[in-house]
Amino acid sequence: MPIPNEIPAHARIVVRVSEGVDPVDHRMKYRDYVGHVLSWDGHLLELSRDAAANGSRPAQRVSIDAESIITLKPVPERHFTRP
């Protein structure tokens, strides 16, 4: 998949990266990151990763190397509803 030359700051995206082949089952493993773009220079994506919806993981800043990116696409903002 071709990666865009420009990704607007503050855009909410999902990025799938390759984590390599699992040594136990010999299958390719992937990880998805959902968050807001902080910066993109064509080689390194800085992302403010969203906290997990169930509270199991806090928000975090991640750096993703362009060579590990498999796909990326925009996603809508998360909606919060009050009970």
N, C-alpha and C. Protein backbone atom coordinates (compact mmCIF):
# COMPACT_ATOMS: atom_id res chain seq x y z
N MET A 1 0.84 -1.17 0.00
CA MET A 1 0.00 0.00 0.00
C MET A 1 0.88 1.24 0.00
N PRO A 2 0.64 2.16 -0.90
CA PRO A 2 1.42 3.40 -0.88
C PRO A 2 1.00 4.27 0.31
N ILE A 3 1.97 4.80 1.01
CA ILE A 3 1.71 5.67 2.15
C ILE A 3 1.66 7.10 1.64
N PRO A 4 0.68 7.89 2.07
CA PRO A 4 0.57 9.26 1.57
C PRO A 4 1.78 10.11 1.97
N ASN A 5 2.10 11.07 1.10
CA ASN A 5 3.21 11.99 1.39
C ASN A 5 2.85 12.94 2.51
N GLU A 6 1.58 13.29 2.62
CA GLU A 6 1.12 14.21 3.65
C GLU A 6 -0.01 13.57 4.45
N ILE A 7 0.08 13.69 5.76
CA ILE A 7 -0.98 13.28 6.66
C ILE A 7 -1.22 14.48 7.56
N PRO A 8 -2.43 15.04 7.55
CA PRO A 8 -2.66 16.25 8.34
C PRO A 8 -2.53 16.00 9.84
N ALA A 9 -1.91 16.94 10.53
CA ALA A 9 -1.80 16.86 11.98
C ALA A 9 -3.21 16.86 12.58
N HIS A 10 -3.37 16.13 13.65
CA HIS A 10 -4.63 16.00 14.41
C HIS A 10 -5.65 15.10 13.73
N ALA A 11 -5.32 14.53 12.57
CA ALA A 11 -6.24 13.59 11.94
C ALA A 11 -6.26 12.32 12.79
N ARG A 12 -7.44 11.72 12.94
CA ARG A 12 -7.54 10.46 13.69
C ARG A 12 -7.44 9.33 12.68
N ILE A 13 -6.49 8.42 12.89
CA ILE A 13 -6.23 7.34 11.94
C ILE A 13 -6.04 6.03 12.69
N VAL A 14 -6.13 4.94 11.93
CA VAL A 14 -5.74 3.63 12.42
C VAL A 14 -4.56 3.19 11.55
N VAL A 15 -3.51 2.69 12.21
CA VAL A 15 -2.30 2.26 11.52
C VAL A 15 -2.04 0.80 11.87
N ARG A 16 -1.87 -0.04 10.87
CA ARG A 16 -1.50 -1.45 11.11
C ARG A 16 -0.03 -1.60 10.79
N VAL A 17 0.71 -2.18 11.74
CA VAL A 17 2.15 -2.40 11.54
C VAL A 17 2.46 -3.89 11.64
N SER A 18 3.52 -4.29 10.98
CA SER A 18 3.99 -5.66 11.02
C SER A 18 4.90 -5.84 12.22
N GLU A 19 4.67 -6.90 12.99
CA GLU A 19 5.53 -7.21 14.12
C GLU A 19 6.43 -8.41 13.82
N GLY A 20 6.37 -8.92 12.61
CA GLY A 20 7.23 -10.03 12.22
C GLY A 20 6.55 -11.38 12.40
N VAL A 21 7.31 -12.42 12.20
CA VAL A 21 6.80 -13.79 12.27
C VAL A 21 6.93 -14.31 13.70
N ASP A 22 5.84 -14.89 14.20
CA ASP A 22 5.83 -15.47 15.54
C ASP A 22 6.69 -16.73 15.53
N PRO A 23 7.64 -16.85 16.46
CA PRO A 23 8.52 -18.02 16.46
C PRO A 23 7.81 -19.31 16.84
N VAL A 24 6.66 -19.22 17.49
CA VAL A 24 5.95 -20.42 17.93
C VAL A 24 5.06 -20.98 16.82
N ASP A 25 4.19 -20.13 16.25
CA ASP A 25 3.26 -20.64 15.23
C ASP A 25 3.67 -20.28 13.81
N HIS A 26 4.76 -19.53 13.65
CA HIS A 26 5.33 -19.18 12.33
C HIS A 26 4.36 -18.39 11.45
N ARG A 27 3.46 -17.63 12.10
CA ARG A 27 2.53 -16.79 11.35
C ARG A 27 2.91 -15.33 11.55
N MET A 28 2.62 -14.50 10.54
CA MET A 28 2.89 -13.07 10.63
C MET A 28 1.98 -12.45 11.68
N LYS A 29 2.53 -11.56 12.50
CA LYS A 29 1.77 -10.88 13.55
C LYS A 29 1.70 -9.39 13.25
N TYR A 30 0.57 -8.79 13.59
CA TYR A 30 0.31 -7.37 13.33
C TYR A 30 -0.16 -6.69 14.61
N ARG A 31 -0.03 -5.37 14.65
CA ARG A 31 -0.55 -4.56 15.75
C ARG A 31 -1.20 -3.32 15.15
N ASP A 32 -2.34 -2.95 15.71
CA ASP A 32 -3.06 -1.76 15.26
C ASP A 32 -2.93 -0.65 16.29
N TYR A 33 -2.75 0.57 15.80
CA TYR A 33 -2.69 1.77 16.64
C TYR A 33 -3.76 2.72 16.15
N VAL A 34 -4.60 3.21 17.07
CA VAL A 34 -5.61 4.20 16.75
C VAL A 34 -5.29 5.45 17.54
N GLY A 35 -5.23 6.58 16.84
CA GLY A 35 -4.95 7.82 17.54
C GLY A 35 -4.88 9.00 16.60
N HIS A 36 -4.36 10.11 17.14
CA HIS A 36 -4.26 11.36 16.40
C HIS A 36 -2.83 11.64 15.97
N VAL A 37 -2.67 12.05 14.73
CA VAL A 37 -1.35 12.34 14.18
C VAL A 37 -0.77 13.58 14.85
N LEU A 38 0.46 13.45 15.35
CA LEU A 38 1.19 14.59 15.88
C LEU A 38 2.10 15.16 14.79
N SER A 39 2.78 14.26 14.07
CA SER A 39 3.62 14.71 12.95
C SER A 39 3.92 13.53 12.03
N TRP A 40 4.26 13.86 10.80
CA TRP A 40 4.61 12.87 9.77
C TRP A 40 5.60 13.52 8.82
N ASP A 41 6.81 12.93 8.72
CA ASP A 41 7.82 13.48 7.82
C ASP A 41 8.12 12.56 6.63
N GLY A 42 7.29 11.55 6.44
CA GLY A 42 7.50 10.60 5.35
C GLY A 42 8.31 9.39 5.77
N HIS A 43 8.95 9.46 6.93
CA HIS A 43 9.76 8.35 7.43
C HIS A 43 9.35 7.90 8.82
N LEU A 44 8.84 8.85 9.62
CA LEU A 44 8.46 8.56 11.00
C LEU A 44 7.12 9.21 11.30
N LEU A 45 6.19 8.39 11.80
CA LEU A 45 4.87 8.87 12.18
C LEU A 45 4.83 8.99 13.70
N GLU A 46 4.54 10.18 14.19
CA GLU A 46 4.35 10.42 15.62
C GLU A 46 2.85 10.45 15.86
N LEU A 47 2.39 9.59 16.77
CA LEU A 47 0.97 9.40 16.99
C LEU A 47 0.66 9.49 18.47
N SER A 48 -0.42 10.19 18.80
CA SER A 48 -0.94 10.19 20.16
C SER A 48 -1.99 9.08 20.20
N ARG A 49 -1.59 7.91 20.71
CA ARG A 49 -2.46 6.74 20.70
C ARG A 49 -3.58 6.93 21.71
N ASP A 50 -4.81 6.65 21.29
CA ASP A 50 -5.97 6.78 22.17
C ASP A 50 -5.88 5.78 23.31
N ALA A 51 -6.43 6.18 24.45
CA ALA A 51 -6.56 5.25 25.57
C ALA A 51 -7.56 4.16 25.19
N ALA A 52 -7.40 2.97 25.77
CA ALA A 52 -8.35 1.89 25.51
C ALA A 52 -9.73 2.28 26.02
N ALA A 53 -10.76 1.92 25.29
CA ALA A 53 -12.13 2.29 25.65
C ALA A 53 -12.54 1.68 27.00
N ASN A 54 -11.96 0.53 27.33
CA ASN A 54 -12.32 -0.11 28.60
C ASN A 54 -11.42 0.32 29.76
N GLY A 55 -10.51 1.24 29.51
CA GLY A 55 -9.64 1.74 30.57
C GLY A 55 -8.43 0.89 30.87
N SER A 56 -8.18 -0.15 30.08
CA SER A 56 -7.06 -1.05 30.36
C SER A 56 -5.70 -0.49 29.96
N ARG A 57 -5.67 0.54 29.10
CA ARG A 57 -4.41 1.14 28.67
C ARG A 57 -4.59 2.65 28.57
N PRO A 58 -3.69 3.41 29.19
CA PRO A 58 -3.81 4.87 29.07
C PRO A 58 -3.36 5.35 27.69
N ALA A 59 -3.67 6.59 27.38
CA ALA A 59 -3.19 7.19 26.13
C ALA A 59 -1.67 7.23 26.17
N GLN A 60 -1.05 7.13 25.02
CA GLN A 60 0.41 7.15 24.97
C GLN A 60 0.88 7.73 23.64
N ARG A 61 2.10 8.24 23.66
CA ARG A 61 2.72 8.75 22.44
C ARG A 61 3.58 7.64 21.85
N VAL A 62 3.41 7.37 20.54
CA VAL A 62 4.18 6.32 19.88
C VAL A 62 4.82 6.88 18.62
N SER A 63 5.97 6.33 18.28
CA SER A 63 6.68 6.64 17.04
C SER A 63 6.67 5.38 16.18
N ILE A 64 6.22 5.51 14.95
CA ILE A 64 6.10 4.36 14.05
C ILE A 64 6.93 4.61 12.81
N ASP A 65 7.85 3.69 12.52
CA ASP A 65 8.70 3.78 11.35
C ASP A 65 7.88 3.46 10.11
N ALA A 66 8.02 4.24 9.07
CA ALA A 66 7.24 4.08 7.84
C ALA A 66 7.41 2.69 7.24
N GLU A 67 8.57 2.08 7.38
CA GLU A 67 8.81 0.77 6.77
C GLU A 67 8.00 -0.34 7.43
N SER A 68 7.53 -0.12 8.67
CA SER A 68 6.75 -1.15 9.35
C SER A 68 5.25 -0.99 9.09
N ILE A 69 4.84 0.11 8.46
CA ILE A 69 3.41 0.36 8.23
C ILE A 69 2.90 -0.52 7.09
N ILE A 70 1.83 -1.26 7.38
CA ILE A 70 1.17 -2.09 6.36
C ILE A 70 0.04 -1.30 5.72
N THR A 71 -0.84 -0.75 6.55
CA THR A 71 -1.95 0.07 6.06
C THR A 71 -2.21 1.21 7.04
N LEU A 72 -2.87 2.23 6.55
CA LEU A 72 -3.39 3.28 7.43
C LEU A 72 -4.61 3.88 6.77
N LYS A 73 -5.54 4.32 7.60
CA LYS A 73 -6.75 4.94 7.06
C LYS A 73 -7.35 5.84 8.13
N PRO A 74 -8.11 6.86 7.69
CA PRO A 74 -8.78 7.73 8.65
C PRO A 74 -9.94 6.99 9.32
N VAL A 75 -10.20 7.34 10.56
CA VAL A 75 -11.34 6.79 11.29
C VAL A 75 -12.07 7.94 11.98
N PRO A 76 -13.38 7.79 12.20
CA PRO A 76 -14.12 8.87 12.86
C PRO A 76 -13.75 8.99 14.33
N GLU A 77 -14.04 10.15 14.90
CA GLU A 77 -13.80 10.37 16.32
C GLU A 77 -14.67 9.42 17.14
N ARG A 78 -14.17 9.05 18.30
CA ARG A 78 -14.91 8.20 19.22
C ARG A 78 -16.02 9.03 19.86
N HIS A 79 -17.22 8.45 19.93
CA HIS A 79 -18.36 9.15 20.54
C HIS A 79 -18.53 8.65 21.97
N PHE A 80 -18.73 9.57 22.86
CA PHE A 80 -18.95 9.23 24.25
C PHE A 80 -20.42 9.47 24.60
N THR A 81 -21.04 8.48 25.17
CA THR A 81 -22.43 8.65 25.60
C THR A 81 -22.47 8.52 27.12
N ARG A 82 -23.26 9.33 27.72
CA ARG A 82 -23.41 9.32 29.17
C ARG A 82 -24.61 8.44 29.54
N PRO A 83 -24.47 7.62 30.57
CA PRO A 83 -25.62 6.78 30.98
C PRO A 83 -26.72 7.59 31.61
